[in-house]
Protein backbone atom coordinates (compact mmCIF):
# COMPACT_ATOMS: atom_id res chain seq x y z
CA MET A 1 0.13 -0.08 -0.16
CA LEU A 2 0.87 3.68 -0.66
CA ALA A 3 2.82 5.58 2.08
CA LEU A 4 0.39 8.07 3.27
CA THR A 5 0.45 11.56 4.79
CA ARG A 6 -1.47 10.75 8.23
CA ASP A 7 -3.85 8.56 9.92
CA ARG A 8 -6.26 9.49 12.90
CA ASP A 9 -7.17 6.19 14.07
CA HIS A 10 -3.47 4.71 14.45
CA GLY A 11 -1.07 6.92 15.29
CA VAL A 12 1.31 6.05 12.65
CA THR A 13 2.36 7.33 9.82
CA LEU A 14 4.37 5.11 7.13
CA PRO A 15 7.87 7.36 5.30
CA GLY A 16 7.28 8.90 2.10
CA ARG A 17 6.10 12.59 2.33
CA GLY A 18 9.39 13.94 2.53
CA ASN A 19 10.66 12.58 -1.46
CA GLN A 20 7.03 13.03 -3.23
CA GLY A 21 6.12 14.64 -5.99
CA ASN A 22 8.35 16.28 -9.19
CA PRO A 23 10.27 18.72 -7.76
CA ARG A 24 9.37 21.17 -11.10
CA GLN A 25 6.24 23.11 -11.07
CA PRO A 26 3.60 21.51 -12.56
CA VAL A 27 1.82 22.09 -15.91
CA TRP A 28 -1.76 22.19 -15.40
CA GLY A 29 -4.58 21.13 -17.83
CA ALA A 30 -7.23 22.74 -19.68
CA THR A 31 -9.09 22.03 -16.36
CA ALA A 32 -8.71 24.54 -14.32
CA LEU A 33 -10.78 27.53 -15.14
CA THR A 34 -9.10 30.75 -16.21
CA PRO A 35 -10.91 34.20 -15.60
CA VAL A 36 -12.51 33.88 -19.23
CA GLN A 37 -14.42 31.06 -18.01
CA ARG A 38 -15.46 32.38 -14.70
CA ASP A 39 -16.74 35.44 -16.28
CA SER A 40 -18.99 33.05 -18.84
CA ARG A 41 -20.48 31.41 -15.89
CA ASP A 42 -22.49 34.46 -14.74
CA PHE A 43 -25.75 33.19 -16.01
CA HIS A 44 -25.72 30.83 -13.21
CA GLU A 45 -24.82 32.69 -10.35
CA ASP A 46 -27.42 30.92 -8.15
CA MET A 47 -24.91 27.42 -8.28
CA ARG A 48 -25.78 26.58 -4.88
CA VAL A 49 -29.87 26.90 -5.82
CA PHE A 50 -30.88 24.32 -8.67
CA HIS A 51 -34.18 24.24 -10.32
CA CYS A 52 -35.59 21.83 -12.86
CA ASP A 53 -35.25 23.58 -16.49
CA HIS A 54 -39.02 22.50 -17.07
CA CYS A 55 -41.39 22.77 -14.05
CA GLN A 56 -38.72 24.89 -11.69
CA GLN A 57 -39.13 22.33 -9.48
CA LEU A 58 -36.48 22.72 -6.16
CA VAL A 59 -33.88 20.18 -7.35
CA PHE A 60 -30.57 19.19 -5.31
CA PHE A 61 -26.89 18.74 -6.34
CA GLU A 62 -27.63 14.70 -5.56
CA ASN A 63 -30.61 14.25 -7.83
CA SER A 64 -30.88 12.32 -10.96
CA HIS A 65 -34.63 12.56 -11.68
CA CYS A 66 -37.15 15.56 -11.20
CA VAL A 67 -39.25 14.44 -8.65
CA ASN A 68 -42.51 16.75 -9.70
CA CYS A 69 -41.98 15.82 -13.82
CA GLY A 70 -39.87 12.87 -13.77
CA HIS A 71 -37.14 14.81 -15.96
CA THR A 72 -33.96 13.27 -16.04
CA LEU A 73 -31.52 15.51 -14.64
CA ALA A 74 -27.20 15.29 -14.36
CA PHE A 75 -25.09 17.68 -13.20
CA LEU A 76 -23.25 19.35 -16.39
CA SER A 77 -19.53 19.93 -14.95
CA ASP A 78 -18.94 22.44 -18.18
CA LEU A 79 -21.92 24.71 -16.77
CA GLN A 80 -21.31 23.66 -13.37
CA VAL A 81 -24.80 23.16 -12.75
CA VAL A 82 -27.86 20.63 -12.25
CA GLY A 83 -29.80 20.47 -15.56
CA SER A 84 -32.79 18.38 -16.88
CA LEU A 85 -32.11 16.77 -20.22
CA GLU A 86 -34.38 15.71 -23.12
CA GLY A 87 -33.72 12.82 -25.45
CA GLY A 88 -31.39 10.17 -24.79
CA GLN A 89 -31.51 8.77 -28.54
CA ASN A 90 -28.91 6.52 -28.95
CA GLY A 91 -27.40 8.02 -25.74
CA VAL A 92 -27.54 11.66 -26.51
CA TRP A 93 -29.27 13.66 -24.40
CA ARG A 94 -29.61 17.46 -24.97
CA SER A 95 -29.97 20.45 -22.43
CA PRO A 96 -32.10 23.56 -22.79
CA LEU A 97 -29.72 25.42 -20.72
CA SER A 98 -28.28 28.87 -22.05
CA GLY A 99 -24.64 27.59 -23.61
CA ALA A 100 -25.18 24.15 -23.10
CA ASP A 101 -22.92 21.96 -25.54
CA SER A 102 -24.69 22.28 -29.04
CA GLY A 103 -23.66 18.31 -29.53
CA GLY A 104 -25.52 17.17 -26.36
CA TYR A 105 -24.52 14.83 -23.55
CA ARG A 106 -23.55 11.34 -22.25
CA LEU A 107 -24.45 10.15 -18.87
CA CYS A 108 -21.35 9.30 -16.89
CA THR A 109 -21.10 5.23 -17.27
CA ASN A 110 -21.91 4.70 -13.70
CA TYR A 111 -24.72 6.94 -13.77
CA ALA A 112 -26.73 3.91 -14.77
CA GLN A 113 -25.48 1.91 -11.87
CA ALA A 114 -26.97 4.74 -9.18
CA ILE A 115 -23.38 5.72 -8.31
CA CYS A 116 -23.15 9.28 -10.44
CA ASN A 117 -25.49 11.90 -11.44
CA TRP A 118 -22.92 13.64 -13.84
CA ALA A 119 -22.89 14.35 -17.47
CA ILE A 120 -20.25 14.79 -20.21
CA PRO A 121 -19.98 16.69 -23.56
CA VAL A 122 -20.59 14.12 -26.71
CA THR A 123 -17.79 15.67 -27.80
CA SER A 124 -15.47 14.20 -25.22
CA SER A 125 -13.71 10.92 -25.52
CA ASP A 126 -14.43 9.99 -21.91
CA SER A 127 -16.93 7.33 -20.73
CA LEU A 128 -16.58 8.19 -16.71
CA CYS A 129 -17.37 11.84 -15.89
CA LEU A 130 -14.52 14.43 -14.00
CA SER A 131 -15.01 13.35 -10.74
CA CYS A 132 -15.29 8.93 -11.74
CA GLN A 133 -11.91 9.37 -13.46
CA LEU A 134 -10.68 10.13 -10.30
CA THR A 135 -11.58 7.38 -8.70
CA ARG A 136 -9.10 4.38 -9.45
CA VAL A 137 -10.14 1.86 -6.81
CA ILE A 138 -13.96 1.43 -6.09
CA PRO A 139 -15.15 -1.23 -3.18
CA ASN A 140 -15.48 -4.70 -3.74
CA LEU A 141 -18.88 -4.89 -5.03
CA SER A 142 -19.54 -8.79 -4.40
CA ARG A 143 -19.17 -7.81 -0.40
CA PRO A 144 -22.83 -6.67 1.14
CA GLY A 145 -22.83 -3.19 1.64
CA TYR A 146 -20.29 -2.08 0.07
CA LYS A 147 -22.07 -0.65 -3.26
CA GLU A 148 -23.93 1.38 -0.67
CA ALA A 149 -20.89 2.68 0.60
CA TRP A 150 -19.49 3.54 -2.63
CA TYR A 151 -22.13 5.80 -3.52
CA LYS A 152 -22.16 7.82 -0.10
CA LEU A 153 -18.24 8.33 -0.84
CA GLU A 154 -18.30 9.38 -4.70
CA VAL A 155 -21.49 11.78 -3.39
CA ALA A 156 -18.78 13.16 -1.18
CA LYS A 157 -16.56 13.34 -3.77
CA ARG A 158 -18.51 15.53 -6.02
CA ARG A 159 -19.15 18.15 -3.54
CA LEU A 160 -15.69 18.35 -3.25
CA LEU A 161 -15.00 18.61 -6.58
CA TYR A 162 -17.54 21.03 -7.29
CA ASN A 163 -16.13 23.10 -4.36
CA LEU A 164 -12.65 23.04 -6.23
CA LEU A 165 -13.89 23.68 -9.71
CA ARG A 166 -15.74 26.90 -8.47
CA LEU A 167 -12.91 28.20 -6.97
CA GLY A 168 -10.91 27.58 -10.03
CA CYS A 169 -8.35 24.96 -8.96
CA PRO A 170 -6.92 22.95 -11.11
CA VAL A 171 -8.55 19.31 -11.23
CA GLU A 172 -6.85 16.57 -13.22
CA SER A 173 -6.95 12.63 -13.41
CA LYS A 174 -3.85 10.90 -12.80
CA LEU A 175 -4.71 8.77 -15.40
CA LYS A 176 -3.89 12.01 -17.83
CA ALA A 177 -1.32 13.36 -15.58
CA PRO A 178 0.58 10.51 -13.92
CA GLU A 179 2.98 12.98 -12.16
CA THR A 180 0.68 15.93 -10.78
CA GLY A 181 -2.57 14.54 -11.09
CA LEU A 182 -5.10 13.45 -8.32
CA ALA A 183 -6.88 10.09 -7.45
CA PHE A 184 -8.62 8.04 -5.20
CA GLU A 185 -8.64 4.70 -3.59
CA PHE A 186 -11.39 3.36 -1.76
CA LEU A 187 -10.12 0.53 0.58
CA SER A 188 -11.17 -1.96 3.21
CA ASP A 189 -9.46 -4.30 5.79
CA ASP A 190 -11.75 -6.89 4.81
CA ASP A 191 -9.91 -6.71 1.60
CA GLN A 192 -6.66 -7.10 3.14
CA PRO A 193 -6.80 -10.32 5.63
CA GLY A 194 -3.77 -10.19 7.61
CA ALA A 195 -2.49 -6.88 6.33
CA ALA A 196 -2.19 -3.35 8.68
CA PRO A 197 -5.54 -1.79 8.53
CA VAL A 198 -6.39 0.38 5.33
CA LEU A 199 -5.14 4.08 6.41
CA THR A 200 -7.09 7.44 5.16
CA GLY A 201 -4.46 9.86 3.99
CA HIS A 202 -3.02 11.32 0.86
CA ALA A 203 0.39 9.90 -0.87
CA SER A 204 2.11 11.83 -4.18
CA GLY A 205 -1.48 12.90 -5.51
CA VAL A 206 -3.35 9.85 -4.09
CA ILE A 207 -5.96 9.89 -1.66
CA THR A 208 -7.14 6.54 0.22
CA LEU A 209 -9.83 6.42 2.19
CA ASN A 210 -11.02 3.49 4.35
CA ILE A 211 -14.69 2.71 3.33
CA THR A 212 -15.70 1.92 6.74
CA GLU A 213 -15.82 5.88 7.04
CA ALA A 214 -19.06 5.13 5.15
CA ASP A 215 -20.58 3.58 8.10
CA ASP A 216 -22.48 6.29 10.06
CA VAL A 217 -22.32 4.14 13.26
CA GLU A 218 -18.54 3.44 13.00
CA ARG A 219 -17.84 6.60 11.94
CA GLU A 220 -19.25 8.19 14.75
CA ARG A 221 -17.30 5.80 17.13
CA ARG A 222 -14.36 6.99 16.06
CA ARG A 223 -15.38 10.40 16.17
CA THR A 224 -15.54 10.21 19.92
CA LEU A 225 -12.85 7.76 20.53
CA LEU A 226 -10.84 10.26 19.13
CA HIS A 227 -12.04 13.25 21.29
CA GLU A 228 -12.97 14.71 17.35
CA PRO A 229 -15.74 17.53 17.55
CA TYR A 230 -15.87 16.96 13.75
CA ARG A 231 -15.99 13.82 11.65
CA THR A 232 -17.54 13.04 7.92
CA ILE A 233 -16.31 11.42 4.43
CA LEU A 234 -16.63 15.20 3.52
CA GLY A 235 -14.47 16.38 5.60
CA HIS A 236 -11.91 13.96 4.81
CA PHE A 237 -11.65 14.46 1.78
CA ARG A 238 -11.30 18.11 2.00
CA HIS A 239 -8.70 17.86 4.38
CA GLU A 240 -6.47 15.08 2.08
CA SER A 241 -6.90 17.43 -0.81
CA GLY A 242 -5.56 20.01 1.38
CA HIS A 243 -2.20 17.76 1.24
CA TYR A 244 -2.26 17.85 -2.44
CA TYR A 245 -2.63 21.34 -3.17
CA TRP A 246 -0.02 22.21 -0.81
CA ASP A 247 2.47 20.35 -3.24
CA ARG A 248 0.71 21.91 -6.26
CA LEU A 249 0.03 25.08 -4.60
CA VAL A 250 2.20 26.02 -2.26
CA LYS A 251 5.67 23.68 -2.24
CA ASN A 252 8.69 25.28 -4.50
CA THR A 253 7.34 28.19 -4.73
CA PRO A 254 7.71 31.53 -3.37
CA ARG A 255 4.78 31.44 -1.39
CA LEU A 256 6.71 28.61 0.95
CA GLN A 257 8.21 31.49 3.08
CA GLU A 258 4.64 33.14 4.02
CA PHE A 259 3.44 29.47 4.25
CA ARG A 260 6.30 29.00 6.88
CA ALA A 261 5.63 32.30 8.50
CA LEU A 262 2.26 31.58 8.95
CA PHE A 263 2.12 27.28 9.59
CA GLY A 264 5.67 26.72 10.82
CA ASP A 265 8.40 25.07 8.92
CA GLU A 266 8.01 22.12 7.60
CA SER A 267 10.64 20.12 7.18
CA PRO A 268 11.53 18.80 10.74
CA ASP A 269 10.55 14.77 10.81
CA TYR A 270 6.88 14.25 9.74
CA THR A 271 6.38 10.69 11.08
CA GLN A 272 7.83 11.75 14.51
CA ALA A 273 6.43 14.78 14.71
CA LEU A 274 2.79 12.48 14.61
CA GLN A 275 4.17 10.47 17.26
CA ASN A 276 4.76 12.97 19.65
CA TYR A 277 1.33 14.55 18.72
CA TYR A 278 -0.20 11.05 19.73
CA ASN A 279 1.92 10.41 22.39
CA GLN A 280 1.64 13.96 24.47
CA GLY A 281 -1.28 15.33 22.75
CA PRO A 282 -1.76 19.35 21.65
CA PRO A 283 0.10 22.24 23.31
CA VAL A 284 -2.46 23.51 26.39
CA ASP A 285 -2.72 26.87 24.32
CA TRP A 286 -3.63 24.95 21.46
CA GLN A 287 -6.74 27.25 20.49
CA GLN A 288 -4.75 30.33 20.54
CA ARG A 289 -3.13 28.88 17.19
CA TYR A 290 -4.64 26.22 15.36
CA VAL A 291 -8.28 25.44 14.29
CA THR A 292 -7.98 22.29 15.67
CA ALA A 293 -6.02 20.08 18.38
CA TYR A 294 -4.83 17.61 15.43
CA ALA A 295 -3.41 20.86 13.26
CA SER A 296 -0.71 21.18 15.92
CA SER A 297 1.08 17.90 14.91
CA HIS A 298 2.78 19.41 12.21
CA PRO A 299 2.37 22.39 9.32
CA TRP A 300 1.31 19.95 7.05
CA GLU A 301 -1.82 19.30 9.06
CA ASP A 302 -1.92 22.49 9.96
CA TRP A 303 -2.30 23.61 6.37
CA ALA A 304 -4.94 20.28 5.61
CA GLU A 305 -6.97 21.16 8.42
CA THR A 306 -7.36 24.66 7.76
CA TRP A 307 -7.79 24.53 4.15
CA ALA A 308 -10.70 21.71 5.08
CA HIS A 309 -12.17 24.73 7.20
CA TYR A 310 -12.25 27.22 4.25
CA LEU A 311 -13.67 25.03 2.01
CA HIS A 312 -16.40 24.28 4.93
CA MET A 313 -16.70 27.75 5.28
CA VAL A 314 -17.08 28.88 0.96
CA ASP A 315 -19.35 25.97 0.61
CA THR A 316 -22.03 26.76 3.36
CA LEU A 317 -21.33 30.96 2.73
CA GLU A 318 -22.19 29.96 -1.25
CA THR A 319 -25.34 28.15 0.02
CA ALA A 320 -26.60 30.80 2.21
CA ALA A 321 -26.46 33.28 -0.47
CA THR A 322 -28.19 31.67 -3.02
CA CYS A 323 -30.94 31.10 -0.85
CA GLY A 324 -31.04 34.48 0.22
CA LEU A 325 -30.42 34.27 3.76
CA SER A 326 -30.18 37.23 6.09
CA MET A 327 -30.69 38.35 9.50
CA MET A 328 -31.93 41.58 11.17
CA PRO A 329 -32.51 40.93 14.72
CA LYS A 330 -34.53 43.23 16.63
CA ARG A 331 -32.36 43.72 19.18
CA PRO A 332 -29.16 46.25 17.81
CA ASN A 333 -26.09 43.87 20.05
CA GLU A 334 -27.23 40.75 17.88
CA PRO A 335 -25.50 39.25 15.20
CA VAL A 336 -26.40 40.67 11.62
CA LEU A 337 -26.27 39.34 8.52
CA GLU A 338 -27.74 41.62 5.69
CA ALA A 339 -28.17 39.19 2.24
CA HIS A 340 -26.64 41.85 -0.12
CA SER A 341 -23.43 41.26 1.71
CA LEU A 342 -23.58 37.84 1.18
CA LEU A 343 -21.89 36.68 -2.60
CA ALA A 344 -22.22 33.28 -3.81
CA ARG A 345 -19.09 34.44 -6.59
CA LEU A 346 -16.21 33.72 -3.96
CA ASP A 347 -13.77 35.04 -6.54
CA ARG A 348 -15.20 38.37 -5.79
CA VAL A 349 -15.09 38.37 -2.32
CA PRO A 350 -12.63 40.28 0.02
CA PHE A 351 -11.52 37.82 2.84
CA GLN A 352 -12.92 39.92 5.19
CA GLN A 353 -15.96 40.42 4.30
CA LEU A 354 -16.10 36.27 3.92
CA ILE A 355 -15.05 36.38 7.99
CA ASP A 356 -17.86 39.28 8.99
CA ASN A 357 -20.50 36.98 7.14
CA TRP A 358 -19.08 34.02 8.50
CA PHE A 359 -19.38 34.43 12.38
CA PRO A 360 -23.03 35.39 12.41
CA LEU A 361 -23.95 32.52 10.55
CA THR A 362 -22.47 30.20 12.55
CA TYR A 363 -23.99 31.83 15.36
CA LEU A 364 -27.35 31.19 13.42
CA LEU A 365 -26.44 27.30 12.92
CA ASN A 366 -25.56 26.50 16.17
CA ASN A 367 -28.84 27.56 17.64
CA LEU A 368 -30.97 25.87 15.22
CA ASN A 369 -29.14 23.22 15.90
CA ARG A 370 -29.61 23.16 19.74
CA GLY A 371 -33.10 24.06 18.86
CA LEU A 372 -33.27 20.41 17.60
CA GLY A 373 -31.30 19.04 20.12
CA LEU A 374 -28.38 18.71 18.01
CA PRO A 375 -24.33 19.22 18.88
CA ASP A 376 -23.48 22.36 17.58
CA ALA A 377 -23.22 22.20 13.95
CA TYR A 378 -20.02 24.41 14.04
CA PRO A 379 -18.05 23.30 17.64
CA PHE A 380 -14.91 25.53 16.24
CA VAL A 381 -13.64 28.60 17.67
CA LEU A 382 -11.02 30.98 15.16
CA SER A 383 -8.14 33.00 17.29
CA ASN A 384 -6.96 35.80 15.15
CA GLN A 385 -4.02 33.57 14.00
CA VAL A 386 -6.63 30.78 12.65
CA ILE A 387 -8.11 33.53 10.60
CA ALA A 388 -4.68 34.98 9.42
CA LYS A 389 -4.04 31.43 7.81
CA LEU A 390 -7.44 31.13 6.62
CA SER A 391 -6.83 34.40 4.92
CA PHE A 392 -2.96 32.94 3.05
CA ILE A 393 -5.50 30.24 1.88
CA HIS A 394 -7.94 32.48 0.03
CA ARG A 395 -4.90 34.46 -1.60
CA VAL A 396 -3.64 31.01 -2.68
CA ILE A 397 -6.49 29.84 -4.09
CA LEU A 398 -7.87 33.17 -5.89
CA GLN A 399 -4.41 34.21 -7.11
């Protein structure tokens, strides 16, 4: 098995990170969105709220059919929107959306297995959508429950990719870019009897996830055992993608010095740093400097935890913006959130505006959860040092 960059479950990280990747600057393919391409998507400002093009029924990112009119739905990655499709003759579907590919679309091969809901322009030679291309190892579908686990993992991965594409982050498959591309492997301890447990982690562009994480009961058990305030499949993916993008966007770039000033020097032995963390725990004052206790283990983990947190923030803020959310309390000393201050296009939002909106939104989220008898949706505290790190990530992504 590949060496992994981190393991929350066992406290053991295999060697390998120090010499990963290509020392040259990566040459990205056309998947990264240019400013012109971003501007061409202005007519889809309400990216986070989707509607059926035929009956205007509200639909969701995961839907494959409109529950009102029955039309087939698919996520059109070239438009970054869920849209309805017509036809289907000879496998070619048409979208009525403005800007849709005139040649039509084909459904991803995994669409027929009820695993994926993305479509591909007919002009593409690919049979799998961009998201499914990235998965190079799937669970053993002969085992009970593994197909359902695979579906959950793919749903979370597609949302991660949607975030990344929205932000203009380069996304390439290792099939097409072996040195700089990204791949996912969904593995199980059951498929390797007697071997070491499968570790969730990242190495040289390969993100590995133990499919046990798709079991809600087991994932919650691990969250409680490890005293984590938050543990989700999407959270794992966002964290591991942070390791990948550190290699691509920070390593061997002029940004490295600013990274070290904020996150620390990453050169000390990574494996030993994690062993020290698991043996000794976080520093007493970790909340003053880190977004999570685990972030204190090593600068790479600090970056990955903060990167994941940034993606949590922009996803939630974009959703709030496109839903038209506002908070106008009766008392003057309570958090206020004005709808016009929220923008769905994060590449147009100054970081300070993002943070100013984030605090009242989390206040609302936590109070709503408490009203339902649930734990806080946002169990974090952002210190000034953490905010400075988030600001750096904002600039790295949007530059």
